[in-house]
Amino acid sequence: MTRAVAQLFWPAFWVFLADQASKYIVVHMMDLRTLGQIEVLPPLLQFHMAWNRGINFGLFTSDGSAGRWILIALALIISAAVVFWTLRAKPGRWATLSAGVLVGGALANVVDRVLYGAVADFLNMSCCGINNPYAFNIADIAIFAGAVGLVLFEPSKARKKGA
């Protein structure tokens, strides 16, 4: 395995594993799917069961199976494009790690859509008198962090710094 492939694969693997393990523990073992809500560190952190049939924050929600499969296909196409771009463009280490984190999160949410028909979201954080109505998961964090990393560590920016 080349260094670039390893820098892409291992973050994707660990994000995927962490997301799926956390969902299994919280949703199934702690039975959040039945309880609906578990207070962890109130009011900062609670587990709140939400089945997301759309993209982030429930945008483009679809109860039909066509929407589900379109979102699965879209996530797979974007993941493949990120992997292809990373291996072809050979960005720096941080951009490659960011790509792996993004791909791991996207694939973890794809597994949810295949298994459950929706993404299992359960993390809910509120603070300072602001009640956050949205739930998310580790994969969502990874997708966001990976996308930010790709913007910050994009290869043309790295070249400009070195020039």
N, C-alpha and C. Protein backbone atom coordinates (compact mmCIF):
# COMPACT_ATOMS: atom_id res chain seq x y z
N MET A 1 0.85 -1.17 0.00
CA MET A 1 0.00 0.00 0.00
C MET A 1 0.90 1.24 0.00
N THR A 2 0.68 2.12 -0.97
CA THR A 2 1.48 3.33 -1.04
C THR A 2 1.11 4.28 0.10
N ARG A 3 1.98 5.22 0.34
CA ARG A 3 1.75 6.18 1.43
C ARG A 3 0.45 6.95 1.21
N ALA A 4 0.19 7.43 -0.02
CA ALA A 4 -1.02 8.20 -0.31
C ALA A 4 -2.28 7.35 -0.08
N VAL A 5 -2.24 6.10 -0.51
CA VAL A 5 -3.39 5.22 -0.31
C VAL A 5 -3.61 4.96 1.18
N ALA A 6 -2.53 4.76 1.91
CA ALA A 6 -2.64 4.54 3.36
C ALA A 6 -3.18 5.78 4.06
N GLN A 7 -2.71 6.98 3.64
CA GLN A 7 -3.19 8.22 4.26
C GLN A 7 -4.66 8.49 3.95
N LEU A 8 -5.16 7.91 2.88
CA LEU A 8 -6.57 8.03 2.54
C LEU A 8 -7.39 6.92 3.20
N PHE A 9 -6.88 5.70 3.16
CA PHE A 9 -7.63 4.53 3.65
C PHE A 9 -7.81 4.52 5.17
N TRP A 10 -6.74 4.72 5.92
CA TRP A 10 -6.83 4.55 7.37
C TRP A 10 -7.74 5.56 8.05
N PRO A 11 -7.70 6.84 7.70
CA PRO A 11 -8.70 7.75 8.31
C PRO A 11 -10.13 7.34 7.94
N ALA A 12 -10.33 6.95 6.68
CA ALA A 12 -11.67 6.51 6.25
C ALA A 12 -12.11 5.29 7.06
N PHE A 13 -11.22 4.34 7.23
CA PHE A 13 -11.52 3.12 7.99
C PHE A 13 -11.89 3.43 9.43
N TRP A 14 -11.08 4.25 10.11
CA TRP A 14 -11.31 4.53 11.53
C TRP A 14 -12.56 5.38 11.75
N VAL A 15 -12.82 6.34 10.87
CA VAL A 15 -14.05 7.13 10.97
C VAL A 15 -15.26 6.23 10.76
N PHE A 16 -15.21 5.40 9.73
CA PHE A 16 -16.31 4.47 9.44
C PHE A 16 -16.56 3.57 10.65
N LEU A 17 -15.50 2.99 11.19
CA LEU A 17 -15.63 2.08 12.33
C LEU A 17 -16.17 2.80 13.57
N ALA A 18 -15.64 3.98 13.87
CA ALA A 18 -16.10 4.75 15.05
C ALA A 18 -17.57 5.12 14.91
N ASP A 19 -17.97 5.55 13.72
CA ASP A 19 -19.36 5.93 13.51
C ASP A 19 -20.29 4.73 13.66
N GLN A 20 -19.98 3.65 12.99
CA GLN A 20 -20.86 2.48 13.04
C GLN A 20 -20.89 1.86 14.44
N ALA A 21 -19.75 1.84 15.13
CA ALA A 21 -19.71 1.29 16.49
C ALA A 21 -20.53 2.17 17.44
N SER A 22 -20.39 3.50 17.32
CA SER A 22 -21.14 4.39 18.20
C SER A 22 -22.64 4.24 17.96
N LYS A 23 -23.04 4.13 16.71
CA LYS A 23 -24.46 3.96 16.40
C LYS A 23 -24.97 2.63 16.96
N TYR A 24 -24.19 1.59 16.82
CA TYR A 24 -24.64 0.29 17.33
C TYR A 24 -24.80 0.34 18.85
N ILE A 25 -23.81 0.92 19.52
CA ILE A 25 -23.87 1.00 20.99
C ILE A 25 -25.05 1.85 21.46
N VAL A 26 -25.17 3.05 20.90
CA VAL A 26 -26.20 3.97 21.38
C VAL A 26 -27.60 3.56 20.92
N VAL A 27 -27.75 3.26 19.65
CA VAL A 27 -29.09 2.98 19.11
C VAL A 27 -29.59 1.60 19.55
N HIS A 28 -28.72 0.60 19.52
CA HIS A 28 -29.16 -0.76 19.81
C HIS A 28 -28.89 -1.20 21.26
N MET A 29 -27.66 -1.09 21.71
CA MET A 29 -27.33 -1.58 23.05
C MET A 29 -27.94 -0.71 24.14
N MET A 30 -27.92 0.62 23.96
CA MET A 30 -28.52 1.52 24.93
C MET A 30 -30.01 1.74 24.63
N ASP A 31 -30.47 1.15 23.54
CA ASP A 31 -31.87 1.16 23.11
C ASP A 31 -32.44 2.55 22.90
N LEU A 32 -31.64 3.45 22.34
CA LEU A 32 -32.12 4.80 22.07
C LEU A 32 -33.29 4.80 21.09
N ARG A 33 -33.32 3.83 20.19
CA ARG A 33 -34.42 3.78 19.21
C ARG A 33 -35.77 3.65 19.90
N THR A 34 -35.81 3.01 21.07
CA THR A 34 -37.05 2.88 21.83
C THR A 34 -37.22 4.03 22.83
N LEU A 35 -36.15 4.37 23.52
CA LEU A 35 -36.22 5.42 24.55
C LEU A 35 -36.43 6.81 23.95
N GLY A 36 -35.83 7.05 22.80
CA GLY A 36 -35.97 8.33 22.14
C GLY A 36 -34.98 9.39 22.59
N GLN A 37 -34.66 9.40 23.89
CA GLN A 37 -33.75 10.41 24.41
C GLN A 37 -33.06 9.91 25.67
N ILE A 38 -31.76 10.19 25.76
CA ILE A 38 -30.98 9.86 26.96
C ILE A 38 -30.15 11.09 27.30
N GLU A 39 -30.30 11.59 28.51
CA GLU A 39 -29.49 12.73 28.93
C GLU A 39 -28.11 12.23 29.35
N VAL A 40 -27.08 12.81 28.78
CA VAL A 40 -25.71 12.41 29.06
C VAL A 40 -25.03 13.43 29.95
N LEU A 41 -24.89 14.65 29.48
CA LEU A 41 -24.35 15.78 30.25
C LEU A 41 -25.26 16.98 30.06
N PRO A 42 -26.44 16.93 30.69
CA PRO A 42 -27.41 18.00 30.44
C PRO A 42 -26.88 19.35 30.93
N PRO A 43 -27.15 20.41 30.23
CA PRO A 43 -27.86 20.51 28.97
C PRO A 43 -26.93 20.44 27.76
N LEU A 44 -25.64 20.22 28.00
CA LEU A 44 -24.66 20.24 26.90
C LEU A 44 -24.82 19.10 25.91
N LEU A 45 -24.98 17.88 26.41
CA LEU A 45 -25.03 16.73 25.52
C LEU A 45 -26.14 15.79 25.93
N GLN A 46 -26.93 15.44 24.94
CA GLN A 46 -27.92 14.39 25.13
C GLN A 46 -27.97 13.56 23.86
N PHE A 47 -28.40 12.33 24.02
CA PHE A 47 -28.64 11.47 22.86
C PHE A 47 -30.12 11.61 22.53
N HIS A 48 -30.38 11.99 21.31
CA HIS A 48 -31.76 12.19 20.85
C HIS A 48 -31.90 11.45 19.52
N MET A 49 -32.75 10.44 19.47
CA MET A 49 -32.89 9.62 18.28
C MET A 49 -33.59 10.40 17.18
N ALA A 50 -32.95 10.44 16.03
CA ALA A 50 -33.53 11.09 14.85
C ALA A 50 -33.13 10.26 13.64
N TRP A 51 -34.10 9.93 12.82
CA TRP A 51 -33.83 9.20 11.58
C TRP A 51 -33.87 10.21 10.43
N ASN A 52 -32.72 10.49 9.88
CA ASN A 52 -32.59 11.52 8.85
C ASN A 52 -32.73 10.88 7.47
N ARG A 53 -33.80 11.21 6.79
CA ARG A 53 -34.04 10.68 5.45
C ARG A 53 -33.59 11.66 4.36
N GLY A 54 -33.00 12.77 4.78
CA GLY A 54 -32.51 13.76 3.84
C GLY A 54 -31.01 13.91 3.98
N ILE A 55 -30.52 15.10 3.66
CA ILE A 55 -29.10 15.38 3.88
C ILE A 55 -28.99 16.14 5.19
N ASN A 56 -27.91 16.82 5.45
CA ASN A 56 -27.72 17.52 6.74
C ASN A 56 -28.93 18.35 7.12
N PHE A 57 -29.26 18.31 8.41
CA PHE A 57 -30.38 19.05 8.99
C PHE A 57 -31.71 18.68 8.35
N GLY A 58 -31.80 17.48 7.77
CA GLY A 58 -33.05 17.01 7.19
C GLY A 58 -33.44 17.67 5.88
N LEU A 59 -32.51 18.41 5.26
CA LEU A 59 -32.82 19.04 3.98
C LEU A 59 -33.08 17.98 2.92
N PHE A 60 -33.98 18.26 2.01
CA PHE A 60 -34.34 17.37 0.91
C PHE A 60 -34.83 16.01 1.41
N THR A 61 -35.58 16.03 2.50
CA THR A 61 -36.10 14.80 3.08
C THR A 61 -37.07 14.14 2.11
N SER A 62 -36.95 12.82 2.01
CA SER A 62 -37.84 12.05 1.15
C SER A 62 -38.20 10.75 1.86
N ASP A 63 -39.49 10.48 1.96
CA ASP A 63 -39.92 9.24 2.58
C ASP A 63 -39.93 8.09 1.59
N GLY A 64 -39.83 8.38 0.31
CA GLY A 64 -39.86 7.34 -0.70
C GLY A 64 -38.51 6.66 -0.87
N SER A 65 -38.55 5.46 -1.41
CA SER A 65 -37.30 4.73 -1.59
C SER A 65 -36.45 5.32 -2.72
N ALA A 66 -37.07 6.03 -3.66
CA ALA A 66 -36.30 6.64 -4.75
C ALA A 66 -35.33 7.68 -4.18
N GLY A 67 -35.82 8.52 -3.27
CA GLY A 67 -34.96 9.53 -2.65
C GLY A 67 -33.82 8.90 -1.88
N ARG A 68 -34.11 7.83 -1.19
CA ARG A 68 -33.08 7.10 -0.43
C ARG A 68 -31.97 6.62 -1.37
N TRP A 69 -32.35 5.99 -2.46
CA TRP A 69 -31.35 5.44 -3.38
C TRP A 69 -30.61 6.53 -4.15
N ILE A 70 -31.27 7.64 -4.39
CA ILE A 70 -30.59 8.78 -5.02
C ILE A 70 -29.51 9.31 -4.08
N LEU A 71 -29.83 9.45 -2.79
CA LEU A 71 -28.83 9.94 -1.82
C LEU A 71 -27.70 8.93 -1.65
N ILE A 72 -28.00 7.64 -1.71
CA ILE A 72 -26.94 6.62 -1.64
C ILE A 72 -26.02 6.74 -2.85
N ALA A 73 -26.62 6.84 -4.03
CA ALA A 73 -25.83 6.97 -5.26
C ALA A 73 -24.98 8.24 -5.23
N LEU A 74 -25.58 9.33 -4.80
CA LEU A 74 -24.86 10.60 -4.74
C LEU A 74 -23.66 10.51 -3.79
N ALA A 75 -23.85 9.92 -2.62
CA ALA A 75 -22.75 9.77 -1.66
C ALA A 75 -21.64 8.88 -2.22
N LEU A 76 -22.02 7.82 -2.92
CA LEU A 76 -21.01 6.93 -3.51
C LEU A 76 -20.25 7.62 -4.64
N ILE A 77 -20.95 8.38 -5.45
CA ILE A 77 -20.31 9.11 -6.55
C ILE A 77 -19.34 10.16 -5.99
N ILE A 78 -19.79 10.92 -4.99
CA ILE A 78 -18.92 11.94 -4.39
C ILE A 78 -17.71 11.29 -3.74
N SER A 79 -17.92 10.18 -3.03
CA SER A 79 -16.80 9.47 -2.39
C SER A 79 -15.80 8.99 -3.43
N ALA A 80 -16.30 8.41 -4.50
CA ALA A 80 -15.42 7.93 -5.57
C ALA A 80 -14.66 9.09 -6.21
N ALA A 81 -15.35 10.21 -6.42
CA ALA A 81 -14.69 11.38 -7.02
C ALA A 81 -13.60 11.93 -6.11
N VAL A 82 -13.85 11.96 -4.80
CA VAL A 82 -12.84 12.45 -3.85
C VAL A 82 -11.64 11.51 -3.85
N VAL A 83 -11.88 10.21 -3.84
CA VAL A 83 -10.77 9.25 -3.87
C VAL A 83 -9.99 9.40 -5.18
N PHE A 84 -10.69 9.47 -6.30
CA PHE A 84 -10.03 9.61 -7.61
C PHE A 84 -9.20 10.90 -7.64
N TRP A 85 -9.81 12.01 -7.22
CA TRP A 85 -9.09 13.28 -7.21
C TRP A 85 -7.85 13.20 -6.34
N THR A 86 -7.99 12.62 -5.15
CA THR A 86 -6.87 12.55 -4.21
C THR A 86 -5.73 11.73 -4.79
N LEU A 87 -6.04 10.60 -5.38
CA LEU A 87 -4.98 9.74 -5.92
C LEU A 87 -4.36 10.34 -7.19
N ARG A 88 -5.15 11.11 -7.93
CA ARG A 88 -4.64 11.71 -9.16
C ARG A 88 -3.87 13.01 -8.89
N ALA A 89 -4.43 13.89 -8.05
CA ALA A 89 -3.83 15.20 -7.80
C ALA A 89 -2.65 15.12 -6.83
N LYS A 90 -2.62 14.06 -6.04
CA LYS A 90 -1.56 13.88 -5.05
C LYS A 90 -1.38 15.12 -4.17
N PRO A 91 -2.46 15.51 -3.46
CA PRO A 91 -2.33 16.68 -2.58
C PRO A 91 -1.43 16.34 -1.40
N GLY A 92 -1.21 17.29 -0.56
CA GLY A 92 -0.37 17.06 0.61
C GLY A 92 -1.02 16.12 1.61
N ARG A 93 -0.25 15.84 2.64
CA ARG A 93 -0.69 14.87 3.66
C ARG A 93 -2.01 15.27 4.30
N TRP A 94 -2.17 16.53 4.68
CA TRP A 94 -3.37 16.96 5.39
C TRP A 94 -4.60 16.93 4.50
N ALA A 95 -4.46 17.27 3.24
CA ALA A 95 -5.60 17.17 2.31
C ALA A 95 -5.98 15.72 2.09
N THR A 96 -4.99 14.84 2.01
CA THR A 96 -5.27 13.41 1.82
C THR A 96 -5.96 12.84 3.05
N LEU A 97 -5.49 13.20 4.25
CA LEU A 97 -6.15 12.76 5.48
C LEU A 97 -7.58 13.30 5.54
N SER A 98 -7.76 14.55 5.16
CA SER A 98 -9.09 15.16 5.14
C SER A 98 -10.02 14.41 4.18
N ALA A 99 -9.49 14.04 3.03
CA ALA A 99 -10.29 13.28 2.06
C ALA A 99 -10.71 11.94 2.66
N GLY A 100 -9.80 11.28 3.35
CA GLY A 100 -10.13 10.01 3.99
C GLY A 100 -11.20 10.16 5.04
N VAL A 101 -11.12 11.20 5.84
CA VAL A 101 -12.11 11.46 6.88
C VAL A 101 -13.49 11.69 6.24
N LEU A 102 -13.53 12.49 5.19
CA LEU A 102 -14.78 12.77 4.49
C LEU A 102 -15.38 11.48 3.91
N VAL A 103 -14.56 10.69 3.24
CA VAL A 103 -15.04 9.46 2.60
C VAL A 103 -15.53 8.46 3.66
N GLY A 104 -14.81 8.33 4.76
CA GLY A 104 -15.24 7.42 5.83
C GLY A 104 -16.60 7.80 6.38
N GLY A 105 -16.83 9.10 6.58
CA GLY A 105 -18.12 9.57 7.06
C GLY A 105 -19.23 9.34 6.05
N ALA A 106 -18.95 9.63 4.80
CA ALA A 106 -19.96 9.45 3.76
C ALA A 106 -20.36 7.99 3.62
N LEU A 107 -19.37 7.09 3.64
CA LEU A 107 -19.67 5.66 3.51
C LEU A 107 -20.41 5.12 4.73
N ALA A 108 -20.11 5.65 5.91
CA ALA A 108 -20.83 5.22 7.11
C ALA A 108 -22.30 5.60 7.01
N ASN A 109 -22.59 6.79 6.51
CA ASN A 109 -23.99 7.19 6.35
C ASN A 109 -24.68 6.39 5.24
N VAL A 110 -23.92 5.98 4.22
CA VAL A 110 -24.48 5.12 3.17
C VAL A 110 -24.94 3.79 3.78
N VAL A 111 -24.12 3.22 4.65
CA VAL A 111 -24.49 1.96 5.30
C VAL A 111 -25.80 2.12 6.06
N ASP A 112 -25.96 3.22 6.77
CA ASP A 112 -27.22 3.48 7.49
C ASP A 112 -28.40 3.51 6.53
N ARG A 113 -28.24 4.21 5.42
CA ARG A 113 -29.35 4.31 4.46
C ARG A 113 -29.71 2.94 3.88
N VAL A 114 -28.70 2.11 3.65
CA VAL A 114 -28.96 0.77 3.13
C VAL A 114 -29.65 -0.09 4.19
N LEU A 115 -29.13 -0.07 5.43
CA LEU A 115 -29.67 -0.92 6.49
C LEU A 115 -31.02 -0.45 7.03
N TYR A 116 -31.16 0.86 7.25
CA TYR A 116 -32.33 1.39 7.94
C TYR A 116 -33.25 2.24 7.07
N GLY A 117 -32.80 2.61 5.90
CA GLY A 117 -33.59 3.51 5.06
C GLY A 117 -33.38 4.97 5.41
N ALA A 118 -32.58 5.24 6.45
CA ALA A 118 -32.31 6.60 6.90
C ALA A 118 -31.01 6.59 7.70
N VAL A 119 -30.46 7.77 7.93
CA VAL A 119 -29.23 7.89 8.71
C VAL A 119 -29.62 8.05 10.18
N ALA A 120 -28.98 7.25 11.03
CA ALA A 120 -29.22 7.31 12.47
C ALA A 120 -28.42 8.46 13.06
N ASP A 121 -29.12 9.52 13.46
CA ASP A 121 -28.51 10.66 14.14
C ASP A 121 -28.90 10.60 15.60
N PHE A 122 -27.95 10.90 16.49
CA PHE A 122 -28.28 10.80 17.91
C PHE A 122 -27.60 11.83 18.80
N LEU A 123 -26.57 12.49 18.33
CA LEU A 123 -25.88 13.50 19.16
C LEU A 123 -26.64 14.82 19.10
N ASN A 124 -26.94 15.38 20.25
CA ASN A 124 -27.60 16.67 20.31
C ASN A 124 -26.89 17.50 21.36
N MET A 125 -26.44 18.67 20.95
CA MET A 125 -25.70 19.55 21.86
C MET A 125 -26.38 20.91 21.93
N SER A 126 -26.59 21.38 23.14
CA SER A 126 -27.15 22.69 23.38
C SER A 126 -26.29 23.40 24.41
N CYS A 127 -26.32 24.72 24.37
CA CYS A 127 -25.50 25.47 25.31
C CYS A 127 -26.03 26.88 25.48
N CYS A 128 -25.78 27.38 26.65
CA CYS A 128 -25.93 28.80 26.92
C CYS A 128 -27.34 29.32 26.64
N GLY A 129 -28.34 28.54 26.96
CA GLY A 129 -29.73 28.93 26.75
C GLY A 129 -30.24 28.73 25.34
N ILE A 130 -29.40 28.24 24.45
CA ILE A 130 -29.81 27.98 23.07
C ILE A 130 -30.14 26.49 22.96
N ASN A 131 -31.37 26.19 22.59
CA ASN A 131 -31.81 24.80 22.45
C ASN A 131 -31.65 24.37 20.99
N ASN A 132 -30.71 23.52 20.72
CA ASN A 132 -30.45 23.02 19.38
C ASN A 132 -31.44 21.90 19.05
N PRO A 133 -32.27 22.07 18.02
CA PRO A 133 -33.25 21.04 17.70
C PRO A 133 -32.70 19.90 16.83
N TYR A 134 -31.46 20.02 16.38
CA TYR A 134 -30.91 19.06 15.43
C TYR A 134 -30.04 18.01 16.11
N ALA A 135 -30.04 16.82 15.53
CA ALA A 135 -29.16 15.74 15.98
C ALA A 135 -28.21 15.42 14.83
N PHE A 136 -27.06 14.86 15.17
CA PHE A 136 -26.07 14.50 14.17
C PHE A 136 -25.33 13.27 14.67
N ASN A 137 -24.33 12.83 13.94
CA ASN A 137 -23.56 11.65 14.33
C ASN A 137 -22.08 11.86 14.00
N ILE A 138 -21.26 10.90 14.32
CA ILE A 138 -19.82 11.01 14.08
C ILE A 138 -19.52 11.16 12.59
N ALA A 139 -20.27 10.47 11.75
CA ALA A 139 -20.05 10.58 10.30
C ALA A 139 -20.30 12.00 9.82
N ASP A 140 -21.33 12.65 10.35
CA ASP A 140 -21.62 14.04 9.96
C ASP A 140 -20.47 14.96 10.34
N ILE A 141 -19.92 14.76 11.53
CA ILE A 141 -18.77 15.55 11.97
C ILE A 141 -17.60 15.33 11.01
N ALA A 142 -17.37 14.07 10.65
CA ALA A 142 -16.26 13.72 9.76
C ALA A 142 -16.43 14.33 8.37
N ILE A 143 -17.64 14.28 7.86
CA ILE A 143 -17.90 14.86 6.53
C ILE A 143 -17.61 16.36 6.55
N PHE A 144 -18.10 17.04 7.57
CA PHE A 144 -17.86 18.48 7.70
C PHE A 144 -16.37 18.78 7.85
N ALA A 145 -15.71 18.07 8.78
CA ALA A 145 -14.28 18.31 9.03
C ALA A 145 -13.45 17.98 7.79
N GLY A 146 -13.80 16.89 7.10
CA GLY A 146 -13.07 16.53 5.88
C GLY A 146 -13.23 17.56 4.79
N ALA A 147 -14.44 18.08 4.61
CA ALA A 147 -14.68 19.11 3.60
C ALA A 147 -13.91 20.38 3.93
N VAL A 148 -13.94 20.79 5.20
CA VAL A 148 -13.18 21.98 5.61
C VAL A 148 -11.68 21.75 5.37
N GLY A 149 -11.20 20.56 5.72
CA GLY A 149 -9.79 20.23 5.51
C GLY A 149 -9.40 20.28 4.04
N LEU A 150 -10.28 19.81 3.17
CA LEU A 150 -9.98 19.85 1.73
C LEU A 150 -9.90 21.29 1.23
N VAL A 151 -10.73 22.14 1.77
CA VAL A 151 -10.68 23.56 1.36
C VAL A 151 -9.41 24.22 1.89
N LEU A 152 -9.10 23.96 3.16
CA LEU A 152 -7.92 24.59 3.77
C LEU A 152 -6.60 24.07 3.23
N PHE A 153 -6.55 22.78 2.93
CA PHE A 153 -5.28 22.16 2.54
C PHE A 153 -5.25 21.78 1.06
N GLU A 154 -6.06 22.41 0.24
CA GLU A 154 -6.12 22.14 -1.19
C GLU A 154 -4.73 22.35 -1.80
N PRO A 155 -4.35 21.49 -2.77
CA PRO A 155 -2.96 21.53 -3.27
C PRO A 155 -2.52 22.86 -3.85
N SER A 156 -3.38 23.59 -4.54
CA SER A 156 -2.92 24.86 -5.12
C SER A 156 -2.56 25.85 -4.02
N LYS A 157 -3.23 25.77 -2.87
CA LYS A 157 -2.89 26.65 -1.74
C LYS A 157 -1.54 26.24 -1.16
N ALA A 158 -1.28 24.93 -1.12
CA ALA A 158 0.00 24.45 -0.60
C ALA A 158 1.14 24.92 -1.51
N ARG A 159 0.91 24.89 -2.83
CA ARG A 159 1.95 25.33 -3.78
C ARG A 159 2.22 26.82 -3.64
N LYS A 160 1.16 27.61 -3.43
CA LYS A 160 1.34 29.06 -3.30
C LYS A 160 2.15 29.40 -2.06
N LYS A 161 1.96 28.62 -0.98
CA LYS A 161 2.72 28.88 0.24
C LYS A 161 4.20 28.58 0.03
N GLY A 162 4.48 27.53 -0.76
CA GLY A 162 5.87 27.14 -0.98
C GLY A 162 6.57 27.97 -2.04
N ALA A 163 5.81 28.70 -2.84
CA ALA A 163 6.42 29.48 -3.94
C ALA A 163 6.99 30.78 -3.48
